[in-house]
Amino acid sequence: MIYPKKLEKGGTVGIICPSSPITKERQIQCVKTLENMGYRVKAADNLTSNQGGFMAGTGKERGEWINKMFADPEVDAIFCVRGGDGGTRAYEYIDLDIVRANPKIFVGYSDITTMHLLFNQQADLVTFHGPMVSSNMVDGFDQETEKAFFDAINGDHTYEFKNPEGIPLEVLKEGKATGQVVGGNLSLLSAAMGTPYEMDAKGKIIFMEEVDEPVTKIEKWAYQLRNAGKFHECAGILLGQFTDITNKNMPEYREIQCFRDILDGIDVPVMYHVESGHGDKIITLPFGANCTMDTEKKTIVFDIQR
């Protein structure tokens, strides 16, 4: 796996919308935010496009902008502006030969899960499940989120995932495991089944998160992964932020109770309250990088090899 080069101050950040669009006013705010952080900015020209009311242009447009940003020698890192919907339409237009030839920092989460799976598994590129420009940086880049982000993309040797202060990591199943971290948004992991970017979980540590869904869908999507053998063949599981998950019929039966049932008979270590996803603070995870999770020490440590 290729851990991309660091992003130095004064470097150029390419900003893209692989999924849903933003407004013109928001685009101005995104560019200004990154410039105030000390970077030059190149913006894709589809950020404010609107296809179908929820996509930033056609899948072809969005896929080709990913290719352009990877191919551009002036661009040092690629930040997704936001998630949303429709990212899977861009998949078939992404040129993996360009990505392989130009490995760069690539950051996003939520609907960007498709891109993480694709780049990790088919381009051997470590990518970053971390804060996005419009979603997390413009209106308040809190200190813990910001520090973890730069520690992850610019670190040397090791990067330890640390929850925000006052939120301890919790243990669902005890043990220790080492492997590449893969995963992302649970609904996208489920939707990827049977496609060329289906998650390869063998010997790896699976990370999952979700937002604004009923627990019935958590159960459905997670059981699809279990029934497909993903939990039986993985080395460990990290459960991220499950934000605004509801159960109107039995409110006390939430996602952790659901996962306790789903993972019954699965003999791998499992940690939860891993604060990455759609919460107020999002701590960055380097997808594709080797990680050791230890439930006794309650640590998640990544090996950085540039």
C-alpha atoms as a PDB file:
ATOM      1  CA  MET A   1       0.000   0.000   0.000  1.00  0.00           C
ATOM      2  CA  ILE A   2       1.167   3.518  -0.821  1.00  0.00           C
ATOM      3  CA  TYR A   3       0.952   6.069   1.982  1.00  0.00           C
ATOM      4  CA  PRO A   4       0.853   9.368   0.045  1.00  0.00           C
ATOM      5  CA  LYS A   5       3.272  12.255   0.449  1.00  0.00           C
ATOM      6  CA  LYS A   6       2.623  14.891   3.081  1.00  0.00           C
ATOM      7  CA  LEU A   7       0.753  18.125   2.387  1.00  0.00           C
ATOM      8  CA  GLU A   8       3.110  21.013   3.049  1.00  0.00           C
ATOM      9  CA  LYS A   9       1.982  24.560   3.767  1.00  0.00           C
ATOM     10  CA  GLY A  10       1.800  26.439   0.482  1.00  0.00           C
ATOM     11  CA  GLY A  11       0.834  23.262  -1.353  1.00  0.00           C
ATOM     12  CA  THR A  12      -2.149  23.016  -3.669  1.00  0.00           C
ATOM     13  CA  VAL A  13      -5.403  21.345  -2.677  1.00  0.00           C
ATOM     14  CA  GLY A  14      -7.827  20.223  -5.357  1.00  0.00           C
ATOM     15  CA  ILE A  15     -11.440  20.341  -4.184  1.00  0.00           C
ATOM     16  CA  ILE A  16     -14.094  18.119  -5.755  1.00  0.00           C
ATOM     17  CA  CYS A  17     -17.737  17.109  -5.391  1.00  0.00           C
ATOM     18  CA  PRO A  18     -17.920  13.407  -6.326  1.00  0.00           C
ATOM     19  CA  SER A  19     -21.474  13.218  -4.972  1.00  0.00           C
ATOM     20  CA  SER A  20     -23.806  16.137  -4.206  1.00  0.00           C
ATOM     21  CA  PRO A  21     -23.276  19.846  -5.016  1.00  0.00           C
ATOM     22  CA  ILE A  22     -22.844  23.031  -3.001  1.00  0.00           C
ATOM     23  CA  THR A  23     -23.961  26.610  -3.664  1.00  0.00           C
ATOM     24  CA  LYS A  24     -21.786  29.259  -5.277  1.00  0.00           C
ATOM     25  CA  GLU A  25     -21.630  31.103  -1.960  1.00  0.00           C
ATOM     26  CA  ARG A  26     -20.456  27.922  -0.260  1.00  0.00           C
ATOM     27  CA  GLN A  27     -17.788  27.388  -2.899  1.00  0.00           C
ATOM     28  CA  ILE A  28     -16.361  30.818  -2.144  1.00  0.00           C
ATOM     29  CA  GLN A  29     -16.328  29.969   1.568  1.00  0.00           C
ATOM     30  CA  CYS A  30     -14.584  26.633   0.912  1.00  0.00           C
ATOM     31  CA  VAL A  31     -11.818  28.232  -1.142  1.00  0.00           C
ATOM     32  CA  LYS A  32     -11.321  31.027   1.398  1.00  0.00           C
ATOM     33  CA  THR A  33     -11.156  28.544   4.297  1.00  0.00           C
ATOM     34  CA  LEU A  34      -8.360  26.537   2.687  1.00  0.00           C
ATOM     35  CA  GLU A  35      -6.488  29.663   1.607  1.00  0.00           C
ATOM     36  CA  ASN A  36      -6.638  30.940   5.193  1.00  0.00           C
ATOM     37  CA  MET A  37      -5.085  27.631   6.248  1.00  0.00           C
ATOM     38  CA  GLY A  38      -2.113  28.365   4.006  1.00  0.00           C
ATOM     39  CA  TYR A  39      -2.913  26.414   0.828  1.00  0.00           C
ATOM     40  CA  ARG A  40      -3.473  27.219  -2.806  1.00  0.00           C
ATOM     41  CA  VAL A  41      -6.748  25.885  -4.172  1.00  0.00           C
ATOM     42  CA  LYS A  42      -7.894  24.422  -7.472  1.00  0.00           C
ATOM     43  CA  ALA A  43     -11.638  23.872  -7.686  1.00  0.00           C
ATOM     44  CA  ALA A  44     -13.450  21.500 -10.015  1.00  0.00           C
ATOM     45  CA  ASP A  45     -15.943  23.367 -12.190  1.00  0.00           C
ATOM     46  CA  ASN A  46     -18.892  21.132 -11.268  1.00  0.00           C
ATOM     47  CA  LEU A  47     -19.115  22.004  -7.554  1.00  0.00           C
ATOM     48  CA  THR A  48     -22.332  23.984  -8.047  1.00  0.00           C
ATOM     49  CA  SER A  49     -23.806  21.896 -10.864  1.00  0.00           C
ATOM     50  CA  ASN A  50     -27.134  20.230 -10.174  1.00  0.00           C
ATOM     51  CA  GLN A  51     -28.166  16.962 -11.764  1.00  0.00           C
ATOM     52  CA  GLY A  52     -31.447  15.484 -10.583  1.00  0.00           C
ATOM     53  CA  GLY A  53     -31.516  17.716  -7.502  1.00  0.00           C
ATOM     54  CA  PHE A  54     -28.847  15.766  -5.626  1.00  0.00           C
ATOM     55  CA  MET A  55     -25.792  15.242  -7.853  1.00  0.00           C
ATOM     56  CA  ALA A  56     -22.986  17.639  -8.809  1.00  0.00           C
ATOM     57  CA  GLY A  57     -23.310  16.951 -12.515  1.00  0.00           C
ATOM     58  CA  THR A  58     -23.332  13.664 -14.375  1.00  0.00           C
ATOM     59  CA  GLY A  59     -21.372  10.654 -13.231  1.00  0.00           C
ATOM     60  CA  LYS A  60     -19.033  11.198 -16.164  1.00  0.00           C
ATOM     61  CA  GLU A  61     -18.317  14.784 -15.138  1.00  0.00           C
ATOM     62  CA  ARG A  62     -17.612  13.819 -11.555  1.00  0.00           C
ATOM     63  CA  GLY A  63     -15.449  10.853 -12.473  1.00  0.00           C
ATOM     64  CA  GLU A  64     -13.431  12.893 -14.948  1.00  0.00           C
ATOM     65  CA  TRP A  65     -12.773  15.571 -12.331  1.00  0.00           C
ATOM     66  CA  ILE A  66     -11.302  12.937 -10.066  1.00  0.00           C
ATOM     67  CA  ASN A  67      -9.030  11.903 -12.960  1.00  0.00           C
ATOM     68  CA  LYS A  68      -8.026  15.518 -13.618  1.00  0.00           C
ATOM     69  CA  MET A  69      -7.107  16.200 -10.005  1.00  0.00           C
ATOM     70  CA  PHE A  70      -4.985  13.061  -9.751  1.00  0.00           C
ATOM     71  CA  ALA A  71      -3.310  13.804 -13.097  1.00  0.00           C
ATOM     72  CA  ASP A  72      -2.597  17.489 -12.365  1.00  0.00           C
ATOM     73  CA  PRO A  73       1.069  17.775 -11.270  1.00  0.00           C
ATOM     74  CA  GLU A  74       0.295  20.996  -9.375  1.00  0.00           C
ATOM     75  CA  VAL A  75      -2.268  19.331  -7.093  1.00  0.00           C
ATOM     76  CA  ASP A  76      -0.761  17.866  -3.918  1.00  0.00           C
ATOM     77  CA  ALA A  77      -3.920  16.650  -2.201  1.00  0.00           C
ATOM     78  CA  ILE A  78      -7.575  16.090  -3.092  1.00  0.00           C
ATOM     79  CA  PHE A  79     -10.248  17.077  -0.578  1.00  0.00           C
ATOM     80  CA  CYS A  80     -13.893  16.184  -1.107  1.00  0.00           C
ATOM     81  CA  VAL A  81     -16.102  19.179  -0.383  1.00  0.00           C
ATOM     82  CA  ARG A  82     -19.034  17.088   0.855  1.00  0.00           C
ATOM     83  CA  GLY A  83     -20.715  13.709   0.544  1.00  0.00           C
ATOM     84  CA  GLY A  84     -24.399  13.321  -0.229  1.00  0.00           C
ATOM     85  CA  ASP A  85     -25.631  10.921  -2.894  1.00  0.00           C
ATOM     86  CA  GLY A  86     -24.864   9.605  -6.357  1.00  0.00           C
ATOM     87  CA  GLY A  87     -21.162   8.870  -6.029  1.00  0.00           C
ATOM     88  CA  THR A  88     -21.534   5.375  -7.425  1.00  0.00           C
ATOM     89  CA  ARG A  89     -22.468   6.857 -10.813  1.00  0.00           C
ATOM     90  CA  ALA A  90     -18.931   8.231 -11.123  1.00  0.00           C
ATOM     91  CA  TYR A  91     -17.259   4.862 -10.541  1.00  0.00           C
ATOM     92  CA  GLU A  92     -17.110   3.655 -14.151  1.00  0.00           C
ATOM     93  CA  TYR A  93     -15.460   6.872 -15.348  1.00  0.00           C
ATOM     94  CA  ILE A  94     -12.508   6.823 -12.946  1.00  0.00           C
ATOM     95  CA  ASP A  95      -9.212   5.955 -14.625  1.00  0.00           C
ATOM     96  CA  LEU A  96      -7.316   3.826 -12.126  1.00  0.00           C
ATOM     97  CA  ASP A  97      -4.150   3.964 -14.219  1.00  0.00           C
ATOM     98  CA  ILE A  98      -4.067   7.716 -13.567  1.00  0.00           C
ATOM     99  CA  VAL A  99      -4.628   7.175  -9.833  1.00  0.00           C
ATOM    100  CA  ARG A 100      -1.909   4.516  -9.627  1.00  0.00           C
ATOM    101  CA  ALA A 101       0.571   6.724 -11.464  1.00  0.00           C
ATOM    102  CA  ASN A 102      -0.154   9.775  -9.280  1.00  0.00           C
ATOM    103  CA  PRO A 103      -0.785   8.700  -5.668  1.00  0.00           C
ATOM    104  CA  LYS A 104      -2.027  11.636  -3.574  1.00  0.00           C
ATOM    105  CA  ILE A 105      -3.819  12.409  -0.342  1.00  0.00           C
ATOM    106  CA  PHE A 106      -7.540  11.769  -0.882  1.00  0.00           C
ATOM    107  CA  VAL A 107      -9.996  12.725   1.880  1.00  0.00           C
ATOM    108  CA  GLY A 108     -13.712  12.248   2.420  1.00  0.00           C
ATOM    109  CA  TYR A 109     -16.396  10.117   4.085  1.00  0.00           C
ATOM    110  CA  SER A 110     -20.037   9.086   3.831  1.00  0.00           C
ATOM    111  CA  ASP A 111     -20.948   8.724   0.122  1.00  0.00           C
ATOM    112  CA  ILE A 112     -17.209   8.858  -0.614  1.00  0.00           C
ATOM    113  CA  THR A 113     -17.006   5.270   0.704  1.00  0.00           C
ATOM    114  CA  THR A 114     -17.184   4.013  -2.888  1.00  0.00           C
ATOM    115  CA  MET A 115     -13.981   5.899  -3.764  1.00  0.00           C
ATOM    116  CA  HIS A 116     -12.175   4.608  -0.678  1.00  0.00           C
ATOM    117  CA  LEU A 117     -12.978   1.008  -1.584  1.00  0.00           C
ATOM    118  CA  LEU A 118     -11.917   1.564  -5.171  1.00  0.00           C
ATOM    119  CA  PHE A 119      -8.611   3.316  -4.424  1.00  0.00           C
ATOM    120  CA  ASN A 120      -7.649   1.051  -1.501  1.00  0.00           C
ATOM    121  CA  GLN A 121      -8.392  -2.213  -3.260  1.00  0.00           C
ATOM    122  CA  GLN A 122      -7.596  -1.486  -6.891  1.00  0.00           C
ATOM    123  CA  ALA A 123      -4.946   1.250  -6.724  1.00  0.00           C
ATOM    124  CA  ASP A 124      -3.147   0.217  -3.490  1.00  0.00           C
ATOM    125  CA  LEU A 125      -3.560   3.777  -2.202  1.00  0.00           C
ATOM    126  CA  VAL A 126      -4.033   4.692   1.450  1.00  0.00           C
ATOM    127  CA  THR A 127      -6.913   7.184   1.641  1.00  0.00           C
ATOM    128  CA  PHE A 128      -8.326   9.169   4.548  1.00  0.00           C
ATOM    129  CA  HIS A 129     -11.753   8.849   6.142  1.00  0.00           C
ATOM    130  CA  GLY A 130     -11.698  12.362   7.482  1.00  0.00           C
ATOM    131  CA  PRO A 131     -13.209  15.854   7.517  1.00  0.00           C
ATOM    132  CA  MET A 132     -14.543  17.455   4.341  1.00  0.00           C
ATOM    133  CA  VAL A 133     -14.256  21.114   3.416  1.00  0.00           C
ATOM    134  CA  SER A 134     -17.884  22.259   3.425  1.00  0.00           C
ATOM    135  CA  SER A 135     -19.129  19.661   5.909  1.00  0.00           C
ATOM    136  CA  ASN A 136     -16.479  20.110   8.591  1.00  0.00           C
ATOM    137  CA  MET A 137     -13.927  22.842   7.914  1.00  0.00           C
ATOM    138  CA  VAL A 138     -15.852  25.977   6.905  1.00  0.00           C
ATOM    139  CA  ASP A 139     -18.160  26.447   9.889  1.00  0.00           C
ATOM    140  CA  GLY A 140     -15.888  25.269  12.646  1.00  0.00           C
ATOM    141  CA  PHE A 141     -12.818  23.090  12.365  1.00  0.00           C
ATOM    142  CA  ASP A 142     -12.599  22.088  16.020  1.00  0.00           C
ATOM    143  CA  GLN A 143      -9.140  21.580  17.498  1.00  0.00           C
ATOM    144  CA  GLU A 144      -9.352  17.808  18.025  1.00  0.00           C
ATOM    145  CA  THR A 145     -10.674  17.131  14.521  1.00  0.00           C
ATOM    146  CA  GLU A 146      -8.064  19.403  12.962  1.00  0.00           C
ATOM    147  CA  LYS A 147      -5.141  17.957  14.921  1.00  0.00           C
ATOM    148  CA  ALA A 148      -6.082  14.359  14.136  1.00  0.00           C
ATOM    149  CA  PHE A 149      -6.492  15.212  10.460  1.00  0.00           C
ATOM    150  CA  PHE A 150      -3.019  16.690  10.050  1.00  0.00           C
ATOM    151  CA  ASP A 151      -1.453  14.038  12.282  1.00  0.00           C
ATOM    152  CA  ALA A 152      -2.894  11.382   9.965  1.00  0.00           C
ATOM    153  CA  ILE A 153      -1.993  12.905   6.594  1.00  0.00           C
ATOM    154  CA  ASN A 154       1.408  14.296   7.651  1.00  0.00           C
ATOM    155  CA  GLY A 155       2.520  11.860  10.321  1.00  0.00           C
ATOM    156  CA  ASP A 156       5.709   9.832  10.497  1.00  0.00           C
ATOM    157  CA  HIS A 157       6.101   6.211  11.595  1.00  0.00           C
ATOM    158  CA  THR A 158       2.915   5.856  13.644  1.00  0.00           C
ATOM    159  CA  TYR A 159      -0.450   7.558  14.036  1.00  0.00           C
ATOM    160  CA  GLU A 160      -2.606   6.732  17.042  1.00  0.00           C
ATOM    161  CA  PHE A 161      -6.323   7.213  16.689  1.00  0.00           C
ATOM    162  CA  LYS A 162      -7.532   9.033  19.795  1.00  0.00           C
ATOM    163  CA  ASN A 163     -11.146   9.809  20.573  1.00  0.00           C
ATOM    164  CA  PRO A 164     -12.125  13.336  21.599  1.00  0.00           C
ATOM    165  CA  GLU A 165     -11.604  14.014  25.277  1.00  0.00           C
ATOM    166  CA  GLY A 166     -14.313  12.567  27.464  1.00  0.00           C
ATOM    167  CA  ILE A 167     -15.433   9.886  24.983  1.00  0.00           C
ATOM    168  CA  PRO A 168     -13.716   6.586  25.782  1.00  0.00           C
ATOM    169  CA  LEU A 169     -13.373   3.743  23.325  1.00  0.00           C
ATOM    170  CA  GLU A 170     -15.565   0.839  24.371  1.00  0.00           C
ATOM    171  CA  VAL A 171     -15.199  -2.917  23.916  1.00  0.00           C
ATOM    172  CA  LEU A 172     -17.876  -5.243  22.566  1.00  0.00           C
ATOM    173  CA  LYS A 173     -15.594  -8.256  22.056  1.00  0.00           C
ATOM    174  CA  GLU A 174     -12.129  -8.588  23.521  1.00  0.00           C
ATOM    175  CA  GLY A 175      -8.934  -9.317  21.634  1.00  0.00           C
ATOM    176  CA  LYS A 176      -6.110  -7.919  19.554  1.00  0.00           C
ATOM    177  CA  ALA A 177      -5.862  -7.754  15.775  1.00  0.00           C
ATOM    178  CA  THR A 178      -3.613  -6.322  13.097  1.00  0.00           C
ATOM    179  CA  GLY A 179      -4.614  -5.604   9.507  1.00  0.00           C
ATOM    180  CA  GLN A 180      -5.503  -2.954   6.981  1.00  0.00           C
ATOM    181  CA  VAL A 181      -8.552  -0.882   7.891  1.00  0.00           C
ATOM    182  CA  VAL A 182     -11.304  -0.942   5.263  1.00  0.00           C
ATOM    183  CA  GLY A 183     -14.906   0.180   5.194  1.00  0.00           C
ATOM    184  CA  GLY A 184     -16.873   3.378   5.620  1.00  0.00           C
ATOM    185  CA  ASN A 185     -20.580   4.109   5.509  1.00  0.00           C
ATOM    186  CA  LEU A 186     -22.607   0.972   6.233  1.00  0.00           C
ATOM    187  CA  SER A 187     -25.265   1.547   3.558  1.00  0.00           C
ATOM    188  CA  LEU A 188     -22.574   2.015   0.896  1.00  0.00           C
ATOM    189  CA  LEU A 189     -20.716  -1.112   2.025  1.00  0.00           C
ATOM    190  CA  SER A 190     -23.965  -3.027   1.639  1.00  0.00           C
ATOM    191  CA  ALA A 191     -24.692  -1.450  -1.753  1.00  0.00           C
ATOM    192  CA  ALA A 192     -21.207  -2.424  -2.977  1.00  0.00           C
ATOM    193  CA  MET A 193     -21.937  -6.136  -2.617  1.00  0.00           C
ATOM    194  CA  GLY A 194     -21.763  -7.873  -5.987  1.00  0.00           C
ATOM    195  CA  THR A 195     -19.988  -4.954  -7.668  1.00  0.00           C
ATOM    196  CA  PRO A 196     -16.334  -4.556  -8.724  1.00  0.00           C
ATOM    197  CA  TYR A 197     -15.669  -2.483  -5.586  1.00  0.00           C
ATOM    198  CA  GLU A 198     -17.203  -4.912  -3.098  1.00  0.00           C
ATOM    199  CA  MET A 199     -15.312  -4.756   0.192  1.00  0.00           C
ATOM    200  CA  ASP A 200     -12.502  -7.292   0.543  1.00  0.00           C
ATOM    201  CA  ALA A 201     -12.516  -8.014   4.277  1.00  0.00           C
ATOM    202  CA  LYS A 202     -10.268 -11.069   4.485  1.00  0.00           C
ATOM    203  CA  GLY A 203      -7.715 -10.563   7.251  1.00  0.00           C
ATOM    204  CA  LYS A 204      -8.663  -6.871   7.539  1.00  0.00           C
ATOM    205  CA  ILE A 205     -10.225  -4.635  10.168  1.00  0.00           C
ATOM    206  CA  ILE A 206     -13.675  -3.415   9.136  1.00  0.00           C
ATOM    207  CA  PHE A 207     -14.816   0.091  10.080  1.00  0.00           C
ATOM    208  CA  MET A 208     -18.516   1.007   9.838  1.00  0.00           C
ATOM    209  CA  GLU A 209     -20.559   4.160  10.542  1.00  0.00           C
ATOM    210  CA  GLU A 210     -24.014   5.449   9.675  1.00  0.00           C
ATOM    211  CA  VAL A 211     -26.298   8.477  10.061  1.00  0.00           C
ATOM    212  CA  ASP A 212     -30.014   9.296  10.268  1.00  0.00           C
ATOM    213  CA  GLU A 213     -31.395   5.800   9.736  1.00  0.00           C
ATOM    214  CA  PRO A 214     -33.711   3.474  11.688  1.00  0.00           C
ATOM    215  CA  VAL A 215     -32.088   0.573  13.487  1.00  0.00           C
ATOM    216  CA  THR A 216     -34.018  -1.755  11.181  1.00  0.00           C
ATOM    217  CA  LYS A 217     -31.821  -0.655   8.277  1.00  0.00           C
ATOM    218  CA  ILE A 218     -28.663  -1.032  10.381  1.00  0.00           C
ATOM    219  CA  GLU A 219     -29.764  -4.612  11.023  1.00  0.00           C
ATOM    220  CA  LYS A 220     -30.536  -5.264   7.342  1.00  0.00           C
ATOM    221  CA  TRP A 221     -27.302  -3.848   5.936  1.00  0.00           C
ATOM    222  CA  ALA A 222     -25.079  -5.394   8.598  1.00  0.00           C
ATOM    223  CA  TYR A 223     -26.718  -8.806   8.275  1.00  0.00           C
ATOM    224  CA  GLN A 224     -26.072  -8.689   4.541  1.00  0.00           C
ATOM    225  CA  LEU A 225     -22.361  -8.300   5.311  1.00  0.00           C
ATOM    226  CA  ARG A 226     -22.527 -11.094   7.888  1.00  0.00           C
ATOM    227  CA  ASN A 227     -24.380 -13.428   5.525  1.00  0.00           C
ATOM    228  CA  ALA A 228     -21.828 -12.650   2.805  1.00  0.00           C
ATOM    229  CA  GLY A 229     -19.088 -13.858   5.160  1.00  0.00           C
ATOM    230  CA  LYS A 230     -17.427 -10.471   5.682  1.00  0.00           C
ATOM    231  CA  PHE A 231     -17.503 -10.626   9.491  1.00  0.00           C
ATOM    232  CA  HIS A 232     -16.358 -14.237   9.630  1.00  0.00           C
ATOM    233  CA  GLU A 233     -13.271 -13.584   7.475  1.00  0.00           C
ATOM    234  CA  CYS A 234     -12.162 -10.244   8.929  1.00  0.00           C
ATOM    235  CA  ALA A 235      -9.545  -9.753  11.657  1.00  0.00           C
ATOM    236  CA  GLY A 236     -11.448  -7.194  13.713  1.00  0.00           C
ATOM    237  CA  ILE A 237     -14.262  -4.632  13.687  1.00  0.00           C
ATOM    238  CA  LEU A 238     -14.418  -0.933  14.587  1.00  0.00           C
ATOM    239  CA  LEU A 239     -17.862   0.608  15.029  1.00  0.00           C
ATOM    240  CA  GLY A 240     -17.819   4.338  14.379  1.00  0.00           C
ATOM    241  CA  GLN A 241     -20.352   7.081  14.943  1.00  0.00           C
ATOM    242  CA  PHE A 242     -23.943   5.946  14.505  1.00  0.00           C
ATOM    243  CA  THR A 243     -25.543   9.376  14.522  1.00  0.00           C
ATOM    244  CA  ASP A 244     -29.290   9.976  14.947  1.00  0.00           C
ATOM    245  CA  ILE A 245     -30.190   6.289  14.704  1.00  0.00           C
ATOM    246  CA  THR A 246     -33.804   5.708  15.714  1.00  0.00           C
ATOM    247  CA  ASN A 247     -36.052   2.894  16.916  1.00  0.00           C
ATOM    248  CA  LYS A 248     -39.582   4.170  17.402  1.00  0.00           C
ATOM    249  CA  ASN A 249     -40.950   0.824  18.637  1.00  0.00           C
ATOM    250  CA  MET A 250     -38.251   0.078  21.217  1.00  0.00           C
ATOM    251  CA  PRO A 251     -35.983   3.125  21.761  1.00  0.00           C
ATOM    252  CA  GLU A 252     -33.690   1.286  24.178  1.00  0.00           C
ATOM    253  CA  TYR A 253     -32.696  -1.218  21.452  1.00  0.00           C
ATOM    254  CA  ARG A 254     -30.082   0.805  19.623  1.00  0.00           C
ATOM    255  CA  GLU A 255     -27.241   0.070  17.233  1.00  0.00           C
ATOM    256  CA  ILE A 256     -24.861  -1.432  19.809  1.00  0.00           C
ATOM    257  CA  GLN A 257     -27.484  -3.868  21.079  1.00  0.00           C
ATOM    258  CA  CYS A 258     -28.241  -4.679  17.448  1.00  0.00           C
ATOM    259  CA  PHE A 259     -24.566  -5.318  16.650  1.00  0.00           C
ATOM    260  CA  ARG A 260     -24.267  -7.488  19.751  1.00  0.00           C
ATOM    261  CA  ASP A 261     -26.843  -9.777  18.136  1.00  0.00           C
ATOM    262  CA  ILE A 262     -25.428  -9.456  14.624  1.00  0.00           C
ATOM    263  CA  LEU A 263     -21.926 -10.408  15.778  1.00  0.00           C
ATOM    264  CA  ASP A 264     -23.006 -13.335  17.933  1.00  0.00           C
ATOM    265  CA  GLY A 265     -20.650 -16.221  17.190  1.00  0.00           C
ATOM    266  CA  ILE A 266     -18.123 -13.980  15.421  1.00  0.00           C
ATOM    267  CA  ASP A 267     -14.786 -14.495  17.182  1.00  0.00           C
ATOM    268  CA  VAL A 268     -12.941 -11.234  16.436  1.00  0.00           C
ATOM    269  CA  PRO A 269     -12.191  -8.178  18.590  1.00  0.00           C
ATOM    270  CA  VAL A 270     -14.781  -5.417  18.335  1.00  0.00           C
ATOM    271  CA  MET A 271     -14.512  -1.842  19.590  1.00  0.00           C
ATOM    272  CA  TYR A 272     -17.225   0.801  19.459  1.00  0.00           C
ATOM    273  CA  HIS A 273     -17.655   4.538  20.008  1.00  0.00           C
ATOM    274  CA  VAL A 274     -14.857   5.021  17.478  1.00  0.00           C
ATOM    275  CA  GLU A 275     -15.494   8.720  16.865  1.00  0.00           C
ATOM    276  CA  SER A 276     -15.352   8.933  13.094  1.00  0.00           C
ATOM    277  CA  GLY A 277     -18.367   9.442  10.877  1.00  0.00           C
ATOM    278  CA  HIS A 278     -21.181  11.995  10.974  1.00  0.00           C
ATOM    279  CA  GLY A 279     -20.725  13.334  14.496  1.00  0.00           C
ATOM    280  CA  ASP A 280     -19.757  16.815  15.625  1.00  0.00           C
ATOM    281  CA  LYS A 281     -16.114  15.740  15.740  1.00  0.00           C
ATOM    282  CA  ILE A 282     -14.607  13.362  13.199  1.00  0.00           C
ATOM    283  CA  ILE A 283     -11.256  11.782  13.938  1.00  0.00           C
ATOM    284  CA  THR A 284      -9.395  10.703  10.807  1.00  0.00           C
ATOM    285  CA  LEU A 285      -8.811   7.057   9.895  1.00  0.00           C
ATOM    286  CA  PRO A 286      -6.194   6.113   7.247  1.00  0.00           C
ATOM    287  CA  PHE A 287      -8.020   3.494   5.174  1.00  0.00           C
ATOM    288  CA  GLY A 288      -5.750   0.842   3.698  1.00  0.00           C
ATOM    289  CA  ALA A 289      -3.006   1.424   6.267  1.00  0.00           C
ATOM    290  CA  ASN A 290      -1.934  -1.329   8.637  1.00  0.00           C
ATOM    291  CA  CYS A 291      -3.474  -0.955  12.068  1.00  0.00           C
ATOM    292  CA  THR A 292      -3.292  -2.746  15.392  1.00  0.00           C
ATOM    293  CA  MET A 293      -6.373  -2.667  17.598  1.00  0.00           C
ATOM    294  CA  ASP A 294      -5.987  -3.791  21.204  1.00  0.00           C
ATOM    295  CA  THR A 295      -9.091  -3.979  23.381  1.00  0.00           C
ATOM    296  CA  GLU A 296      -7.094  -4.484  26.602  1.00  0.00           C
ATOM    297  CA  LYS A 297      -5.146  -1.259  26.079  1.00  0.00           C
ATOM    298  CA  LYS A 298      -8.075   0.347  24.218  1.00  0.00           C
ATOM    299  CA  THR A 299      -5.741   1.559  21.489  1.00  0.00           C
ATOM    300  CA  ILE A 300      -5.938   1.850  17.694  1.00  0.00           C
ATOM    301  CA  VAL A 301      -2.502   2.495  16.183  1.00  0.00           C
ATOM    302  CA  PHE A 302      -1.603   2.871  12.508  1.00  0.00           C
ATOM    303  CA  ASP A 303       1.731   2.125  10.889  1.00  0.00           C
ATOM    304  CA  ILE A 304       2.836   4.908   8.513  1.00  0.00           C
ATOM    305  CA  GLN A 305       5.183   3.730   5.775  1.00  0.00           C
ATOM    306  CA  ARG A 306       5.862   6.341   3.116  1.00  0.00           C
END
